[in-house]
């Protein structure tokens, strides 16, 4: 293991920034004229955002406002998983948005497969909800990072814990 460099491929979402974005979204909805006298609710509970509003049009508007706020706070919207729109009592509609943390096993296996297909001298290993990549040549690690940036695995990837 002498002279080996490594980095971790992770997918993390800063939940404090999500909380701030939800609070900004609530504040904007309370101030907007098109939401005046509406009974729109947004709740952040753990890694779930629950939206309850009067109709589909308002629901789509709330999601659009929320996405804008998340993007401004550098929260990757690729990590949002939308549930099916449900009808609630009183003619309301409800939707739950789950925030995905970590890399699931299927995308992790796909990442390892793509790294092996690159034919460079690096090793990739799945560790819980992240992938560790290590090798002797730093240029090979940079090539792996460039490859992974061009692919879409359904979540936003970050490259952290770079050690040489």
Protein backbone atom coordinates (compact mmCIF):
# COMPACT_ATOMS: atom_id res chain seq x y z
CA UNK A 1 0.00 0.00 0.00
CA UNK A 2 3.05 2.29 -0.17
CA UNK A 3 2.64 5.31 -2.46
CA UNK A 4 -1.02 4.63 -3.20
CA UNK A 5 -3.43 7.49 -3.77
CA UNK A 6 -7.16 7.19 -3.22
CA UNK A 7 -10.44 9.07 -3.17
CA UNK A 8 -14.06 8.33 -2.32
CA UNK A 9 -17.04 8.71 -4.63
CA UNK A 10 -20.02 9.77 -2.50
CA UNK A 11 -23.45 11.30 -2.86
CA UNK A 12 -24.27 13.50 0.10
CA UNK A 13 -26.85 16.24 0.56
CA UNK A 14 -26.39 19.00 3.14
CA UNK A 15 -29.64 18.75 5.10
CA UNK A 16 -29.12 22.17 6.71
CA UNK A 17 -29.22 23.73 3.24
CA UNK A 18 -32.38 21.73 2.45
CA UNK A 19 -33.98 23.05 5.66
CA UNK A 20 -33.01 26.62 4.70
CA UNK A 21 -34.43 26.15 1.18
CA UNK A 22 -37.73 24.78 2.56
CA UNK A 23 -38.01 27.73 4.95
CA UNK A 24 -37.35 30.18 2.11
CA UNK A 25 -39.97 28.40 -0.01
CA UNK A 26 -42.56 28.68 2.79
CA UNK A 27 -41.75 32.37 3.19
CA UNK A 28 -42.14 33.02 -0.55
CA UNK A 29 -45.44 31.12 -0.71
CA UNK A 30 -46.81 33.19 2.19
CA UNK A 31 -45.93 36.39 0.33
CA UNK A 32 -47.10 35.50 -3.19
CA UNK A 33 -50.45 36.76 -4.42
CA UNK A 34 -51.36 33.55 -6.29
CA UNK A 35 -51.10 31.63 -2.99
CA UNK A 36 -53.16 34.12 -1.01
CA UNK A 37 -55.74 32.34 1.20
CA UNK A 38 -54.44 28.93 0.08
CA UNK A 39 -53.85 26.24 2.61
CA UNK A 40 -50.47 25.09 1.26
CA UNK A 41 -48.23 23.24 3.69
CA UNK A 42 -44.60 22.15 3.30
CA UNK A 43 -43.05 19.95 5.98
CA UNK A 44 -39.48 18.70 6.20
CA UNK A 45 -39.31 15.55 8.29
CA UNK A 46 -35.93 13.85 8.28
CA UNK A 47 -35.13 13.21 4.63
CA UNK A 48 -38.69 13.70 3.38
CA UNK A 49 -40.40 16.85 2.19
CA UNK A 50 -44.20 16.62 2.29
CA UNK A 51 -46.24 19.08 0.25
CA UNK A 52 -50.00 19.47 0.76
CA UNK A 53 -51.95 21.97 -1.35
CA UNK A 54 -55.29 22.57 -3.04
CA UNK A 55 -54.69 21.44 -6.64
CA UNK A 56 -52.14 20.11 -9.14
CA UNK A 57 -51.31 23.56 -10.49
CA UNK A 58 -50.37 24.90 -7.05
CA UNK A 59 -48.43 21.70 -6.33
CA UNK A 60 -46.35 22.16 -9.48
CA UNK A 61 -45.76 25.83 -8.56
CA UNK A 62 -44.60 24.86 -5.06
CA UNK A 63 -42.23 22.23 -6.47
CA UNK A 64 -40.86 24.78 -8.93
CA UNK A 65 -40.24 27.30 -6.14
CA UNK A 66 -38.64 24.59 -4.00
CA UNK A 67 -36.34 23.47 -6.83
CA UNK A 68 -35.26 27.07 -7.43
CA UNK A 69 -34.44 27.52 -3.75
CA UNK A 70 -32.54 24.21 -3.63
CA UNK A 71 -30.49 25.10 -6.71
CA UNK A 72 -29.59 28.50 -5.25
CA UNK A 73 -28.34 26.72 -2.12
CA UNK A 74 -26.23 24.24 -4.17
CA UNK A 75 -28.37 21.24 -3.23
CA UNK A 76 -28.31 18.67 -6.05
CA UNK A 77 -31.87 18.20 -7.32
CA UNK A 78 -30.82 14.91 -8.92
CA UNK A 79 -31.02 13.43 -5.43
CA UNK A 80 -34.74 14.19 -5.14
CA UNK A 81 -37.10 11.23 -5.55
CA UNK A 82 -40.72 12.22 -6.20
CA UNK A 83 -43.57 9.99 -5.09
CA UNK A 84 -46.86 9.68 -6.92
CA UNK A 85 -49.30 12.57 -6.47
CA UNK A 86 -52.04 11.46 -4.05
CA UNK A 87 -55.42 12.97 -3.43
CA UNK A 88 -56.07 13.94 0.19
CA UNK A 89 -59.25 14.80 2.05
CA UNK A 90 -61.07 18.03 1.19
CA UNK A 91 -59.98 17.99 -2.46
CA UNK A 92 -56.32 18.57 -1.57
CA UNK A 93 -53.35 16.88 -3.24
CA UNK A 94 -50.25 15.57 -1.52
CA UNK A 95 -46.78 14.63 -2.74
CA UNK A 96 -43.74 13.39 -0.87
CA UNK A 97 -40.21 14.14 -2.03
CA UNK A 98 -37.51 11.87 -0.60
CA UNK A 99 -33.91 13.08 -0.49
CA UNK A 100 -31.52 10.30 -1.48
CA UNK A 101 -28.32 10.11 0.57
CA UNK A 102 -25.44 7.85 -0.45
CA UNK A 103 -25.02 5.66 -3.49
CA UNK A 104 -27.38 2.67 -3.70
CA UNK A 105 -25.93 -0.76 -4.53
CA UNK A 106 -27.02 -0.86 -8.20
CA UNK A 107 -25.45 2.49 -9.19
CA UNK A 108 -22.37 1.58 -7.11
CA UNK A 109 -21.96 -1.65 -9.06
CA UNK A 110 -22.38 0.31 -12.30
CA UNK A 111 -19.70 2.79 -11.17
CA UNK A 112 -17.26 -0.05 -10.40
CA UNK A 113 -18.05 -1.68 -13.77
CA UNK A 114 -17.41 1.61 -15.63
CA UNK A 115 -14.12 2.11 -13.76
CA UNK A 116 -12.96 -1.40 -14.68
CA UNK A 117 -14.02 -0.77 -18.29
CA UNK A 118 -11.69 2.25 -18.40
CA UNK A 119 -8.69 -0.16 -18.41
CA UNK A 120 -6.50 1.90 -16.08
CA UNK A 121 -4.55 0.50 -13.13
CA UNK A 122 -6.90 1.41 -10.31
CA UNK A 123 -8.99 -0.60 -7.90
CA UNK A 124 -12.59 0.25 -7.00
CA UNK A 125 -14.31 -1.06 -3.92
CA UNK A 126 -17.88 -0.56 -2.65
CA UNK A 127 -17.94 0.51 1.00
CA UNK A 128 -21.48 0.90 2.41
CA UNK A 129 -22.98 3.82 0.45
CA UNK A 130 -19.78 5.02 -1.24
CA UNK A 131 -17.11 3.76 -3.63
CA UNK A 132 -13.40 3.98 -2.82
CA UNK A 133 -11.00 4.18 -5.76
CA UNK A 134 -7.26 3.71 -5.27
CA UNK A 135 -4.19 3.28 -7.43
CA UNK A 136 -0.50 4.20 -7.72
CA UNK A 137 -0.82 6.78 -10.52
CA UNK A 138 -2.62 10.05 -9.72
CA UNK A 139 -3.27 10.63 -13.44
CA UNK A 140 -5.26 7.38 -13.55
CA UNK A 141 -7.38 8.61 -10.63
CA UNK A 142 -7.97 11.89 -12.46
CA UNK A 143 -9.06 9.91 -15.55
CA UNK A 144 -11.55 7.98 -13.40
CA UNK A 145 -12.98 11.24 -12.00
CA UNK A 146 -13.35 12.65 -15.53
CA UNK A 147 -15.12 9.46 -16.67
CA UNK A 148 -17.55 9.50 -13.74
CA UNK A 149 -18.38 13.18 -14.31
CA UNK A 150 -19.59 12.37 -17.84
CA UNK A 151 -21.92 9.52 -16.75
CA UNK A 152 -25.37 9.75 -15.19
CA UNK A 153 -26.04 7.40 -12.27
CA UNK A 154 -29.26 9.01 -11.05
CA UNK A 155 -27.57 10.83 -8.15
CA UNK A 156 -25.12 13.71 -7.92
CA UNK A 157 -21.58 12.41 -7.32
CA UNK A 158 -18.96 14.13 -5.20
CA UNK A 159 -15.29 13.17 -5.03
CA UNK A 160 -13.94 13.53 -1.50
CA UNK A 161 -11.21 12.29 0.81
CA UNK A 162 -8.44 12.53 -1.80
CA UNK A 163 -5.25 11.11 -0.34
CA UNK A 164 -1.86 10.67 -1.90
